[in-house]
Amino acid sequence: MDVQALIQTVAIGAIPVLFAITLHEAAHGYVARHFGDMTAFQQGRISLNPLRHIDPVGTILLPILTLWLGGILFGWAKPVPVNFGALRRPKQDMLWVALAGPAANLFMALFWGMWIKIALMSPDSYYAEPLMDMAQLGVRINVVLMVLNLLPLPPLDGGRIAISMLPHRLAIKLASIEPYGMFILIGLAITPVLGWVLTPPIVWMITLINFIFGY
């Protein structure tokens, strides 16, 4: 991708990316508060202000690099602080807190899917074309974030879900991986392995959204 195309892609993708990370992280904090943990609320992280969730490397640098180099869009936001011990039923409620982020991305993927349909029905091509580009990127970003975060690797949401659902002894063993989880993920991201794992469910989800909206 040349520099001009990269700048255009970043400009079109800024709104979908900021919404994707902001609603994902705010959803974690909101559900954690619902189940008794006030940590994120007290730190002002249950917010739709993207500045509270941006990580300079994970939210800005890595997504731009992956867009430039090609391949699966990769990145992260500052994680919302959750004290699982403060939840009313820590092991059970962890499931719902973890699911909240991917569920927010699924909702946004469907939201952008609706805008693709609107763009296709618009008679004004001047506005329809950039709207289409933004909406298509919005679907892709949110599907990628949802699928990526559902990987059963702590500290990703899928790892939390697995810890919540596994028997106690296995849950402890999986939780012990958490300090190394991001290093493992980055290692997978710089090899073809992460793409091999993520591409089939990403393609399936995008195809499903296309089918839902009939385009």
N, C-alpha and C. Protein backbone atom coordinates (compact mmCIF):
# COMPACT_ATOMS: atom_id res chain seq x y z
N MET A 1 0.86 -1.20 0.00
CA MET A 1 0.00 0.00 0.00
C MET A 1 0.89 1.25 0.00
N ASP A 2 0.67 2.20 -0.96
CA ASP A 2 1.47 3.41 -0.98
C ASP A 2 0.99 4.37 0.10
N VAL A 3 1.78 5.45 0.30
CA VAL A 3 1.50 6.37 1.41
C VAL A 3 0.15 7.06 1.23
N GLN A 4 -0.18 7.47 0.00
CA GLN A 4 -1.45 8.15 -0.24
C GLN A 4 -2.63 7.23 0.07
N ALA A 5 -2.54 5.97 -0.35
CA ALA A 5 -3.62 5.02 -0.08
C ALA A 5 -3.72 4.74 1.41
N LEU A 6 -2.56 4.69 2.09
CA LEU A 6 -2.57 4.47 3.54
C LEU A 6 -3.26 5.62 4.26
N ILE A 7 -2.94 6.87 3.88
CA ILE A 7 -3.56 8.03 4.51
C ILE A 7 -5.08 8.02 4.30
N GLN A 8 -5.49 7.67 3.08
CA GLN A 8 -6.93 7.60 2.78
C GLN A 8 -7.60 6.52 3.62
N THR A 9 -6.95 5.36 3.75
CA THR A 9 -7.52 4.27 4.55
C THR A 9 -7.62 4.65 6.02
N VAL A 10 -6.57 5.32 6.54
CA VAL A 10 -6.58 5.74 7.94
C VAL A 10 -7.69 6.76 8.17
N ALA A 11 -7.86 7.71 7.23
CA ALA A 11 -8.90 8.73 7.38
C ALA A 11 -10.29 8.10 7.39
N ILE A 12 -10.51 7.15 6.49
CA ILE A 12 -11.82 6.48 6.43
C ILE A 12 -12.02 5.58 7.64
N GLY A 13 -10.94 4.95 8.11
CA GLY A 13 -11.06 3.97 9.19
C GLY A 13 -11.05 4.55 10.59
N ALA A 14 -10.73 5.85 10.74
CA ALA A 14 -10.58 6.42 12.08
C ALA A 14 -11.85 6.28 12.91
N ILE A 15 -13.00 6.63 12.32
CA ILE A 15 -14.26 6.55 13.09
C ILE A 15 -14.61 5.11 13.44
N PRO A 16 -14.60 4.15 12.49
CA PRO A 16 -14.89 2.77 12.88
C PRO A 16 -13.94 2.21 13.93
N VAL A 17 -12.64 2.52 13.81
CA VAL A 17 -11.67 2.00 14.79
C VAL A 17 -11.94 2.57 16.17
N LEU A 18 -12.16 3.90 16.25
CA LEU A 18 -12.38 4.52 17.56
C LEU A 18 -13.67 4.00 18.21
N PHE A 19 -14.73 3.84 17.41
CA PHE A 19 -15.96 3.28 17.96
C PHE A 19 -15.74 1.84 18.40
N ALA A 20 -15.00 1.07 17.61
CA ALA A 20 -14.78 -0.35 17.92
C ALA A 20 -14.08 -0.52 19.26
N ILE A 21 -13.00 0.23 19.48
CA ILE A 21 -12.25 0.05 20.72
C ILE A 21 -12.99 0.67 21.91
N THR A 22 -13.64 1.83 21.67
CA THR A 22 -14.30 2.53 22.77
C THR A 22 -15.48 1.73 23.32
N LEU A 23 -16.37 1.27 22.43
CA LEU A 23 -17.53 0.53 22.90
C LEU A 23 -17.15 -0.84 23.45
N HIS A 24 -16.11 -1.46 22.87
CA HIS A 24 -15.64 -2.75 23.39
C HIS A 24 -15.21 -2.61 24.85
N GLU A 25 -14.34 -1.63 25.12
CA GLU A 25 -13.81 -1.48 26.48
C GLU A 25 -14.88 -0.96 27.44
N ALA A 26 -15.69 0.01 26.99
CA ALA A 26 -16.75 0.53 27.86
C ALA A 26 -17.73 -0.57 28.24
N ALA A 27 -18.00 -1.51 27.31
CA ALA A 27 -18.93 -2.61 27.59
C ALA A 27 -18.40 -3.49 28.73
N HIS A 28 -17.09 -3.75 28.72
CA HIS A 28 -16.50 -4.52 29.83
C HIS A 28 -16.76 -3.82 31.16
N GLY A 29 -16.48 -2.52 31.19
CA GLY A 29 -16.64 -1.77 32.44
C GLY A 29 -18.08 -1.70 32.90
N TYR A 30 -18.99 -1.51 31.94
CA TYR A 30 -20.41 -1.42 32.29
C TYR A 30 -20.92 -2.72 32.89
N VAL A 31 -20.59 -3.85 32.26
CA VAL A 31 -21.06 -5.15 32.75
C VAL A 31 -20.39 -5.49 34.08
N ALA A 32 -19.10 -5.13 34.24
CA ALA A 32 -18.43 -5.35 35.52
C ALA A 32 -19.13 -4.58 36.63
N ARG A 33 -19.51 -3.34 36.35
CA ARG A 33 -20.24 -2.55 37.35
C ARG A 33 -21.58 -3.20 37.68
N HIS A 34 -22.25 -3.71 36.65
CA HIS A 34 -23.54 -4.38 36.87
C HIS A 34 -23.42 -5.55 37.83
N PHE A 35 -22.27 -6.26 37.75
CA PHE A 35 -22.09 -7.43 38.60
C PHE A 35 -21.30 -7.13 39.88
N GLY A 36 -21.09 -5.84 40.18
CA GLY A 36 -20.57 -5.49 41.50
C GLY A 36 -19.19 -4.89 41.55
N ASP A 37 -18.44 -4.86 40.45
CA ASP A 37 -17.09 -4.30 40.47
C ASP A 37 -17.13 -2.85 39.99
N MET A 38 -16.78 -1.92 40.86
CA MET A 38 -16.85 -0.50 40.55
C MET A 38 -15.52 0.09 40.10
N THR A 39 -14.50 -0.75 39.88
CA THR A 39 -13.15 -0.26 39.58
C THR A 39 -13.14 0.63 38.34
N ALA A 40 -13.67 0.15 37.23
CA ALA A 40 -13.65 0.92 35.98
C ALA A 40 -14.46 2.21 36.13
N PHE A 41 -15.60 2.13 36.81
CA PHE A 41 -16.45 3.30 37.02
C PHE A 41 -15.70 4.37 37.83
N GLN A 42 -15.01 3.94 38.89
CA GLN A 42 -14.29 4.88 39.75
C GLN A 42 -13.11 5.52 39.03
N GLN A 43 -12.55 4.82 38.05
CA GLN A 43 -11.42 5.36 37.29
C GLN A 43 -11.85 6.09 36.02
N GLY A 44 -13.16 6.25 35.83
CA GLY A 44 -13.67 6.98 34.68
C GLY A 44 -13.52 6.25 33.36
N ARG A 45 -13.43 4.90 33.39
CA ARG A 45 -13.21 4.14 32.17
C ARG A 45 -14.51 3.64 31.54
N ILE A 46 -15.66 3.82 32.21
CA ILE A 46 -16.93 3.51 31.55
C ILE A 46 -17.32 4.78 30.80
N SER A 47 -16.71 4.96 29.66
CA SER A 47 -16.83 6.22 28.93
C SER A 47 -16.81 5.95 27.44
N LEU A 48 -17.54 6.78 26.68
CA LEU A 48 -17.52 6.72 25.23
C LEU A 48 -16.48 7.68 24.66
N ASN A 49 -15.66 8.27 25.53
CA ASN A 49 -14.56 9.13 25.08
C ASN A 49 -13.39 8.24 24.67
N PRO A 50 -13.07 8.18 23.36
CA PRO A 50 -12.01 7.26 22.92
C PRO A 50 -10.65 7.57 23.51
N LEU A 51 -10.41 8.83 23.91
CA LEU A 51 -9.11 9.19 24.47
C LEU A 51 -8.81 8.42 25.75
N ARG A 52 -9.85 7.96 26.45
CA ARG A 52 -9.65 7.21 27.68
C ARG A 52 -9.23 5.76 27.41
N HIS A 53 -9.36 5.32 26.18
CA HIS A 53 -9.10 3.91 25.86
C HIS A 53 -7.95 3.71 24.88
N ILE A 54 -7.40 4.79 24.31
CA ILE A 54 -6.37 4.65 23.29
C ILE A 54 -5.04 4.24 23.91
N ASP A 55 -4.43 3.22 23.33
CA ASP A 55 -3.06 2.83 23.63
C ASP A 55 -2.20 3.25 22.43
N PRO A 56 -1.16 4.07 22.65
CA PRO A 56 -0.40 4.60 21.50
C PRO A 56 0.13 3.52 20.57
N VAL A 57 0.58 2.41 21.13
CA VAL A 57 1.13 1.33 20.30
C VAL A 57 0.01 0.47 19.72
N GLY A 58 -0.86 -0.04 20.60
CA GLY A 58 -1.87 -1.01 20.18
C GLY A 58 -3.00 -0.42 19.36
N THR A 59 -3.35 0.85 19.62
CA THR A 59 -4.50 1.46 18.95
C THR A 59 -4.10 2.27 17.72
N ILE A 60 -2.87 2.78 17.69
CA ILE A 60 -2.46 3.66 16.60
C ILE A 60 -1.37 3.02 15.74
N LEU A 61 -0.22 2.70 16.36
CA LEU A 61 0.93 2.25 15.60
C LEU A 61 0.70 0.90 14.92
N LEU A 62 0.28 -0.11 15.68
CA LEU A 62 0.12 -1.45 15.10
C LEU A 62 -0.95 -1.52 14.02
N PRO A 63 -2.16 -0.92 14.23
CA PRO A 63 -3.14 -0.96 13.15
C PRO A 63 -2.65 -0.31 11.86
N ILE A 64 -1.92 0.83 11.99
CA ILE A 64 -1.40 1.48 10.79
C ILE A 64 -0.37 0.60 10.10
N LEU A 65 0.51 -0.03 10.89
CA LEU A 65 1.52 -0.91 10.31
C LEU A 65 0.88 -2.11 9.61
N THR A 66 -0.14 -2.70 10.24
CA THR A 66 -0.76 -3.87 9.63
C THR A 66 -1.55 -3.48 8.37
N LEU A 67 -2.15 -2.28 8.36
CA LEU A 67 -2.82 -1.80 7.15
C LEU A 67 -1.81 -1.58 6.03
N TRP A 68 -0.65 -1.04 6.40
CA TRP A 68 0.38 -0.73 5.42
C TRP A 68 1.01 -2.00 4.84
N LEU A 69 1.28 -2.97 5.74
CA LEU A 69 1.96 -4.19 5.32
C LEU A 69 1.00 -5.22 4.74
N GLY A 70 -0.31 -5.03 4.99
CA GLY A 70 -1.30 -6.00 4.53
C GLY A 70 -1.54 -7.06 5.58
N GLY A 71 -2.52 -7.91 5.33
CA GLY A 71 -2.85 -8.97 6.28
C GLY A 71 -3.98 -8.56 7.20
N ILE A 72 -4.13 -9.31 8.30
CA ILE A 72 -5.23 -9.09 9.24
C ILE A 72 -4.93 -7.87 10.10
N LEU A 73 -5.89 -6.96 10.20
CA LEU A 73 -5.76 -5.79 11.05
C LEU A 73 -5.58 -6.23 12.49
N PHE A 74 -4.55 -5.72 13.16
CA PHE A 74 -4.20 -6.19 14.50
C PHE A 74 -3.93 -4.99 15.40
N GLY A 75 -4.41 -5.07 16.64
CA GLY A 75 -4.17 -4.01 17.60
C GLY A 75 -4.99 -4.22 18.86
N TRP A 76 -4.87 -3.26 19.79
CA TRP A 76 -5.61 -3.37 21.04
C TRP A 76 -5.77 -1.98 21.66
N ALA A 77 -6.64 -1.88 22.64
CA ALA A 77 -6.81 -0.65 23.41
C ALA A 77 -6.30 -0.89 24.82
N LYS A 78 -6.25 0.19 25.61
CA LYS A 78 -5.91 0.01 27.02
C LYS A 78 -7.02 -0.81 27.68
N PRO A 79 -6.69 -1.93 28.31
CA PRO A 79 -7.75 -2.75 28.91
C PRO A 79 -8.44 -2.03 30.06
N VAL A 80 -9.76 -2.15 30.12
CA VAL A 80 -10.51 -1.59 31.23
C VAL A 80 -10.17 -2.39 32.49
N PRO A 81 -9.83 -1.72 33.59
CA PRO A 81 -9.48 -2.46 34.81
C PRO A 81 -10.71 -3.15 35.41
N VAL A 82 -10.59 -4.44 35.64
CA VAL A 82 -11.66 -5.21 36.27
C VAL A 82 -11.07 -5.99 37.43
N ASN A 83 -11.64 -5.80 38.60
CA ASN A 83 -11.25 -6.57 39.78
C ASN A 83 -12.23 -7.73 39.90
N PHE A 84 -11.83 -8.89 39.35
CA PHE A 84 -12.76 -10.01 39.33
C PHE A 84 -13.14 -10.48 40.73
N GLY A 85 -12.27 -10.22 41.71
CA GLY A 85 -12.58 -10.59 43.08
C GLY A 85 -13.71 -9.77 43.67
N ALA A 86 -13.99 -8.59 43.05
CA ALA A 86 -15.07 -7.73 43.55
C ALA A 86 -16.42 -8.10 42.95
N LEU A 87 -16.44 -8.97 41.96
CA LEU A 87 -17.71 -9.41 41.38
C LEU A 87 -18.47 -10.26 42.39
N ARG A 88 -19.79 -10.23 42.31
CA ARG A 88 -20.58 -10.97 43.30
C ARG A 88 -20.32 -12.46 43.25
N ARG A 89 -20.17 -13.02 42.04
CA ARG A 89 -19.80 -14.43 41.87
C ARG A 89 -18.62 -14.45 40.89
N PRO A 90 -17.40 -14.27 41.40
CA PRO A 90 -16.26 -14.00 40.51
C PRO A 90 -16.12 -14.94 39.32
N LYS A 91 -16.14 -16.24 39.54
CA LYS A 91 -15.89 -17.17 38.44
C LYS A 91 -17.03 -17.16 37.42
N GLN A 92 -18.27 -17.13 37.90
CA GLN A 92 -19.42 -17.13 36.99
C GLN A 92 -19.57 -15.79 36.27
N ASP A 93 -19.45 -14.69 37.04
CA ASP A 93 -19.68 -13.37 36.45
C ASP A 93 -18.57 -12.96 35.49
N MET A 94 -17.38 -13.55 35.65
CA MET A 94 -16.28 -13.28 34.72
C MET A 94 -16.70 -13.58 33.28
N LEU A 95 -17.52 -14.60 33.10
CA LEU A 95 -18.00 -14.97 31.76
C LEU A 95 -18.70 -13.80 31.09
N TRP A 96 -19.62 -13.15 31.81
CA TRP A 96 -20.42 -12.07 31.22
C TRP A 96 -19.61 -10.81 31.00
N VAL A 97 -18.67 -10.53 31.91
CA VAL A 97 -17.80 -9.37 31.74
C VAL A 97 -16.94 -9.56 30.48
N ALA A 98 -16.40 -10.77 30.32
CA ALA A 98 -15.54 -11.05 29.16
C ALA A 98 -16.33 -11.03 27.86
N LEU A 99 -17.55 -11.57 27.88
CA LEU A 99 -18.36 -11.62 26.66
C LEU A 99 -18.81 -10.24 26.20
N ALA A 100 -18.86 -9.28 27.11
CA ALA A 100 -19.41 -7.96 26.78
C ALA A 100 -18.65 -7.29 25.65
N GLY A 101 -17.32 -7.40 25.65
CA GLY A 101 -16.53 -6.75 24.60
C GLY A 101 -16.80 -7.32 23.22
N PRO A 102 -16.64 -8.65 23.02
CA PRO A 102 -16.98 -9.22 21.71
C PRO A 102 -18.43 -8.99 21.30
N ALA A 103 -19.35 -8.98 22.28
CA ALA A 103 -20.75 -8.72 21.95
C ALA A 103 -20.92 -7.30 21.41
N ALA A 104 -20.19 -6.34 22.00
CA ALA A 104 -20.23 -4.96 21.49
C ALA A 104 -19.71 -4.90 20.06
N ASN A 105 -18.65 -5.64 19.77
CA ASN A 105 -18.12 -5.66 18.39
C ASN A 105 -19.09 -6.31 17.42
N LEU A 106 -19.80 -7.35 17.86
CA LEU A 106 -20.81 -7.97 17.00
C LEU A 106 -21.92 -6.97 16.68
N PHE A 107 -22.37 -6.25 17.69
CA PHE A 107 -23.40 -5.23 17.49
C PHE A 107 -22.93 -4.18 16.49
N MET A 108 -21.68 -3.74 16.63
CA MET A 108 -21.16 -2.70 15.73
C MET A 108 -20.95 -3.24 14.32
N ALA A 109 -20.55 -4.51 14.19
CA ALA A 109 -20.41 -5.10 12.85
C ALA A 109 -21.76 -5.11 12.14
N LEU A 110 -22.82 -5.44 12.88
CA LEU A 110 -24.17 -5.41 12.30
C LEU A 110 -24.60 -3.97 11.98
N PHE A 111 -24.23 -3.03 12.86
CA PHE A 111 -24.53 -1.61 12.62
C PHE A 111 -23.89 -1.14 11.32
N TRP A 112 -22.61 -1.45 11.12
CA TRP A 112 -21.94 -1.04 9.89
C TRP A 112 -22.47 -1.81 8.69
N GLY A 113 -22.87 -3.07 8.91
CA GLY A 113 -23.50 -3.83 7.83
C GLY A 113 -24.76 -3.15 7.33
N MET A 114 -25.53 -2.58 8.27
CA MET A 114 -26.74 -1.84 7.88
C MET A 114 -26.37 -0.62 7.03
N TRP A 115 -25.25 0.04 7.35
CA TRP A 115 -24.84 1.22 6.59
C TRP A 115 -24.34 0.85 5.19
N ILE A 116 -23.78 -0.36 5.05
CA ILE A 116 -23.44 -0.83 3.70
C ILE A 116 -24.71 -0.91 2.86
N LYS A 117 -25.77 -1.46 3.44
CA LYS A 117 -27.05 -1.57 2.74
C LYS A 117 -27.59 -0.19 2.36
N ILE A 118 -27.48 0.76 3.29
CA ILE A 118 -27.95 2.12 3.02
C ILE A 118 -27.14 2.75 1.88
N ALA A 119 -25.82 2.53 1.90
CA ALA A 119 -24.96 3.08 0.85
C ALA A 119 -25.32 2.49 -0.51
N LEU A 120 -25.61 1.19 -0.53
CA LEU A 120 -25.98 0.54 -1.79
C LEU A 120 -27.29 1.08 -2.35
N MET A 121 -28.18 1.52 -1.44
CA MET A 121 -29.49 2.03 -1.87
C MET A 121 -29.47 3.52 -2.15
N SER A 122 -28.34 4.18 -1.84
CA SER A 122 -28.28 5.64 -2.00
C SER A 122 -28.13 6.01 -3.47
N PRO A 123 -28.92 6.98 -3.94
CA PRO A 123 -28.79 7.42 -5.34
C PRO A 123 -27.61 8.36 -5.56
N ASP A 124 -27.05 8.89 -4.47
CA ASP A 124 -25.97 9.88 -4.57
C ASP A 124 -24.62 9.17 -4.42
N SER A 125 -23.95 8.90 -5.52
CA SER A 125 -22.68 8.17 -5.47
C SER A 125 -21.57 8.98 -4.80
N TYR A 126 -21.69 10.32 -4.78
CA TYR A 126 -20.67 11.17 -4.18
C TYR A 126 -20.52 10.86 -2.70
N TYR A 127 -21.67 10.67 -2.02
CA TYR A 127 -21.63 10.33 -0.59
C TYR A 127 -21.61 8.82 -0.37
N ALA A 128 -22.19 8.08 -1.27
CA ALA A 128 -22.33 6.64 -1.08
C ALA A 128 -20.98 5.93 -1.09
N GLU A 129 -20.06 6.38 -1.94
CA GLU A 129 -18.78 5.67 -2.06
C GLU A 129 -17.95 5.74 -0.79
N PRO A 130 -17.71 6.95 -0.21
CA PRO A 130 -16.95 6.97 1.05
C PRO A 130 -17.70 6.30 2.20
N LEU A 131 -19.04 6.41 2.22
CA LEU A 131 -19.83 5.73 3.24
C LEU A 131 -19.66 4.22 3.12
N MET A 132 -19.67 3.72 1.89
CA MET A 132 -19.48 2.29 1.65
C MET A 132 -18.10 1.84 2.14
N ASP A 133 -17.06 2.62 1.81
CA ASP A 133 -15.70 2.27 2.24
C ASP A 133 -15.61 2.24 3.77
N MET A 134 -16.20 3.26 4.42
CA MET A 134 -16.16 3.33 5.87
C MET A 134 -16.92 2.16 6.51
N ALA A 135 -18.10 1.87 5.96
CA ALA A 135 -18.93 0.81 6.52
C ALA A 135 -18.29 -0.56 6.33
N GLN A 136 -17.70 -0.79 5.16
CA GLN A 136 -17.03 -2.07 4.92
C GLN A 136 -15.85 -2.26 5.87
N LEU A 137 -15.10 -1.18 6.08
CA LEU A 137 -13.98 -1.25 7.03
C LEU A 137 -14.49 -1.44 8.45
N GLY A 138 -15.64 -0.80 8.77
CA GLY A 138 -16.24 -0.97 10.09
C GLY A 138 -16.63 -2.40 10.36
N VAL A 139 -17.23 -3.06 9.36
CA VAL A 139 -17.59 -4.48 9.51
C VAL A 139 -16.33 -5.30 9.74
N ARG A 140 -15.33 -5.06 8.90
CA ARG A 140 -14.09 -5.86 8.98
C ARG A 140 -13.40 -5.68 10.32
N ILE A 141 -13.25 -4.43 10.77
CA ILE A 141 -12.54 -4.16 12.02
C ILE A 141 -13.24 -4.84 13.19
N ASN A 142 -14.55 -4.71 13.25
CA ASN A 142 -15.28 -5.26 14.39
C ASN A 142 -15.32 -6.78 14.37
N VAL A 143 -15.42 -7.37 13.18
CA VAL A 143 -15.38 -8.84 13.10
C VAL A 143 -14.01 -9.35 13.51
N VAL A 144 -12.95 -8.68 13.05
CA VAL A 144 -11.59 -9.10 13.42
C VAL A 144 -11.40 -8.99 14.93
N LEU A 145 -11.81 -7.86 15.52
CA LEU A 145 -11.66 -7.69 16.97
C LEU A 145 -12.46 -8.72 17.75
N MET A 146 -13.67 -9.02 17.30
CA MET A 146 -14.50 -10.00 17.97
C MET A 146 -13.85 -11.39 17.93
N VAL A 147 -13.43 -11.81 16.74
CA VAL A 147 -12.83 -13.14 16.59
C VAL A 147 -11.51 -13.22 17.34
N LEU A 148 -10.68 -12.19 17.20
CA LEU A 148 -9.39 -12.17 17.89
C LEU A 148 -9.56 -12.28 19.40
N ASN A 149 -10.49 -11.50 19.94
CA ASN A 149 -10.68 -11.49 21.38
C ASN A 149 -11.32 -12.76 21.92
N LEU A 150 -11.91 -13.57 21.05
CA LEU A 150 -12.51 -14.82 21.49
C LEU A 150 -11.51 -15.97 21.49
N LEU A 151 -10.26 -15.73 21.08
CA LEU A 151 -9.24 -16.76 21.21
C LEU A 151 -9.09 -17.15 22.68
N PRO A 152 -9.01 -18.44 23.00
CA PRO A 152 -8.95 -18.87 24.41
C PRO A 152 -7.56 -18.71 25.02
N LEU A 153 -7.08 -17.47 25.00
CA LEU A 153 -5.73 -17.17 25.50
C LEU A 153 -5.81 -16.00 26.46
N PRO A 154 -5.61 -16.22 27.76
CA PRO A 154 -5.58 -15.07 28.67
C PRO A 154 -4.43 -14.14 28.28
N PRO A 155 -4.59 -12.81 28.36
CA PRO A 155 -5.72 -12.08 28.95
C PRO A 155 -6.80 -11.69 27.95
N LEU A 156 -6.86 -12.31 26.79
CA LEU A 156 -7.95 -12.03 25.85
C LEU A 156 -9.28 -12.46 26.46
N ASP A 157 -10.37 -11.91 25.92
CA ASP A 157 -11.69 -12.23 26.46
C ASP A 157 -12.00 -13.72 26.37
N GLY A 158 -11.55 -14.36 25.30
CA GLY A 158 -11.78 -15.79 25.17
C GLY A 158 -11.09 -16.58 26.26
N GLY A 159 -9.92 -16.11 26.68
CA GLY A 159 -9.24 -16.75 27.81
C GLY A 159 -10.03 -16.62 29.10
N ARG A 160 -10.59 -15.43 29.33
CA ARG A 160 -11.43 -15.22 30.53
C ARG A 160 -12.67 -16.12 30.48
N ILE A 161 -13.27 -16.21 29.28
CA ILE A 161 -14.46 -17.06 29.13
C ILE A 161 -14.11 -18.51 29.45
N ALA A 162 -12.97 -18.96 28.92
CA ALA A 162 -12.55 -20.34 29.17
C ALA A 162 -12.28 -20.58 30.65
N ILE A 163 -11.62 -19.63 31.31
CA ILE A 163 -11.35 -19.76 32.75
C ILE A 163 -12.66 -19.85 33.53
N SER A 164 -13.65 -19.06 33.12
CA SER A 164 -14.94 -19.09 33.80
C SER A 164 -15.64 -20.43 33.65
N MET A 165 -15.47 -21.07 32.48
CA MET A 165 -16.24 -22.27 32.18
C MET A 165 -15.51 -23.57 32.56
N LEU A 166 -14.19 -23.52 32.66
CA LEU A 166 -13.42 -24.73 32.96
C LEU A 166 -13.56 -25.13 34.42
N PRO A 167 -13.37 -26.41 34.75
CA PRO A 167 -13.28 -26.83 36.15
C PRO A 167 -12.14 -26.08 36.86
N HIS A 168 -12.23 -25.96 38.16
CA HIS A 168 -11.34 -25.10 38.93
C HIS A 168 -9.87 -25.39 38.66
N ARG A 169 -9.48 -26.65 38.67
CA ARG A 169 -8.06 -27.00 38.51
C ARG A 169 -7.55 -26.59 37.13
N LEU A 170 -8.32 -26.87 36.08
CA LEU A 170 -7.91 -26.49 34.73
C LEU A 170 -7.93 -24.97 34.55
N ALA A 171 -8.90 -24.32 35.21
CA ALA A 171 -8.99 -22.85 35.12
C ALA A 171 -7.74 -22.21 35.71
N ILE A 172 -7.23 -22.75 36.82
CA ILE A 172 -6.02 -22.20 37.44
C ILE A 172 -4.82 -22.35 36.51
N LYS A 173 -4.72 -23.51 35.84
CA LYS A 173 -3.61 -23.75 34.91
C LYS A 173 -3.66 -22.78 33.73
N LEU A 174 -4.87 -22.57 33.19
CA LEU A 174 -4.99 -21.64 32.07
C LEU A 174 -4.69 -20.21 32.52
N ALA A 175 -5.16 -19.84 33.70
CA ALA A 175 -4.93 -18.48 34.22
C ALA A 175 -3.45 -18.21 34.43
N SER A 176 -2.66 -19.25 34.69
CA SER A 176 -1.23 -19.06 34.93
C SER A 176 -0.49 -18.60 33.67
N ILE A 177 -1.12 -18.75 32.50
CA ILE A 177 -0.51 -18.32 31.24
C ILE A 177 -0.60 -16.81 31.06
N GLU A 178 -1.50 -16.16 31.79
CA GLU A 178 -1.83 -14.75 31.52
C GLU A 178 -0.63 -13.82 31.45
N PRO A 179 0.40 -13.92 32.32
CA PRO A 179 1.53 -12.99 32.20
C PRO A 179 2.27 -13.09 30.86
N TYR A 180 2.12 -14.21 30.19
CA TYR A 180 2.83 -14.42 28.92
C TYR A 180 1.89 -14.34 27.71
N GLY A 181 0.61 -14.12 27.96
CA GLY A 181 -0.38 -14.19 26.89
C GLY A 181 -0.13 -13.23 25.75
N MET A 182 0.17 -11.96 26.07
CA MET A 182 0.37 -10.97 25.01
C MET A 182 1.63 -11.26 24.21
N PHE A 183 2.67 -11.79 24.87
CA PHE A 183 3.89 -12.15 24.14
C PHE A 183 3.61 -13.30 23.17
N ILE A 184 2.79 -14.26 23.63
CA ILE A 184 2.40 -15.37 22.76
C ILE A 184 1.61 -14.84 21.57
N LEU A 185 0.68 -13.91 21.83
CA LEU A 185 -0.16 -13.36 20.76
C LEU A 185 0.67 -12.59 19.74
N ILE A 186 1.61 -11.77 20.22
CA ILE A 186 2.46 -11.00 19.31
C ILE A 186 3.33 -11.95 18.50
N GLY A 187 3.82 -13.01 19.15
CA GLY A 187 4.60 -14.02 18.43
C GLY A 187 3.80 -14.67 17.32
N LEU A 188 2.53 -14.98 17.61
CA LEU A 188 1.67 -15.56 16.58
C LEU A 188 1.38 -14.55 15.47
N ALA A 189 1.29 -13.26 15.84
CA ALA A 189 0.92 -12.23 14.86
C ALA A 189 2.03 -11.98 13.85
N ILE A 190 3.29 -12.20 14.22
CA ILE A 190 4.39 -11.95 13.29
C ILE A 190 4.71 -13.20 12.47
N THR A 191 3.92 -14.24 12.65
CA THR A 191 4.03 -15.45 11.83
C THR A 191 2.70 -15.64 11.10
N PRO A 192 2.64 -16.54 10.14
CA PRO A 192 1.35 -16.78 9.46
C PRO A 192 0.31 -17.49 10.32
N VAL A 193 0.70 -17.96 11.50
CA VAL A 193 -0.18 -18.81 12.30
C VAL A 193 -1.46 -18.09 12.69
N LEU A 194 -1.34 -16.83 13.14
CA LEU A 194 -2.53 -16.10 13.58
C LEU A 194 -3.52 -15.94 12.42
N GLY A 195 -3.01 -15.66 11.23
CA GLY A 195 -3.88 -15.54 10.07
C GLY A 195 -4.57 -16.85 9.74
N TRP A 196 -3.84 -17.97 9.85
CA TRP A 196 -4.44 -19.28 9.59
C TRP A 196 -5.60 -19.56 10.53
N VAL A 197 -5.42 -19.14 11.80
CA VAL A 197 -6.46 -19.41 12.82
C VAL A 197 -7.65 -18.48 12.65
N LEU A 198 -7.40 -17.21 12.38
CA LEU A 198 -8.47 -16.21 12.40
C LEU A 198 -9.23 -16.10 11.08
N THR A 199 -8.57 -16.35 9.96
CA THR A 199 -9.20 -16.08 8.67
C THR A 199 -10.51 -16.84 8.45
N PRO A 200 -10.59 -18.16 8.71
CA PRO A 200 -11.87 -18.86 8.44
C PRO A 200 -13.06 -18.29 9.22
N PRO A 201 -12.96 -18.07 10.56
CA PRO A 201 -14.14 -17.50 11.23
C PRO A 201 -14.43 -16.06 10.83
N ILE A 202 -13.39 -15.30 10.47
CA ILE A 202 -13.62 -13.92 10.01
C ILE A 202 -14.39 -13.93 8.69
N VAL A 203 -13.96 -14.74 7.76
CA VAL A 203 -14.64 -14.84 6.46
C VAL A 203 -16.08 -15.32 6.65
N TRP A 204 -16.27 -16.30 7.54
CA TRP A 204 -17.62 -16.83 7.80
C TRP A 204 -18.53 -15.75 8.37
N MET A 205 -18.02 -14.96 9.32
CA MET A 205 -18.85 -13.92 9.94
C MET A 205 -19.21 -12.83 8.93
N ILE A 206 -18.24 -12.40 8.13
CA ILE A 206 -18.53 -11.36 7.13
C ILE A 206 -19.54 -11.87 6.11
N THR A 207 -19.39 -13.13 5.71
CA THR A 207 -20.36 -13.73 4.78
C THR A 207 -21.75 -13.78 5.39
N LEU A 208 -21.82 -14.09 6.68
CA LEU A 208 -23.11 -14.13 7.38
C LEU A 208 -23.77 -12.75 7.42
N ILE A 209 -22.97 -11.72 7.69
CA ILE A 209 -23.51 -10.35 7.73
C ILE A 209 -23.99 -9.94 6.35
N ASN A 210 -23.22 -10.30 5.33
CA ASN A 210 -23.67 -10.02 3.96
C ASN A 210 -25.03 -10.70 3.68
N PHE A 211 -25.17 -11.92 4.15
CA PHE A 211 -26.42 -12.65 3.94
C PHE A 211 -27.58 -12.01 4.70
N ILE A 212 -27.32 -11.59 5.93
CA ILE A 212 -28.37 -10.98 6.76
C ILE A 212 -28.96 -9.75 6.08
N PHE A 213 -28.08 -8.93 5.48
CA PHE A 213 -28.54 -7.67 4.88
C PHE A 213 -28.82 -7.80 3.40
N GLY A 214 -28.60 -8.99 2.84
CA GLY A 214 -28.99 -9.24 1.47
C GLY A 214 -28.19 -8.52 0.42
N TYR A 215 -26.87 -8.49 0.55
CA TYR A 215 -26.05 -7.89 -0.51
C TYR A 215 -24.84 -8.78 -0.78
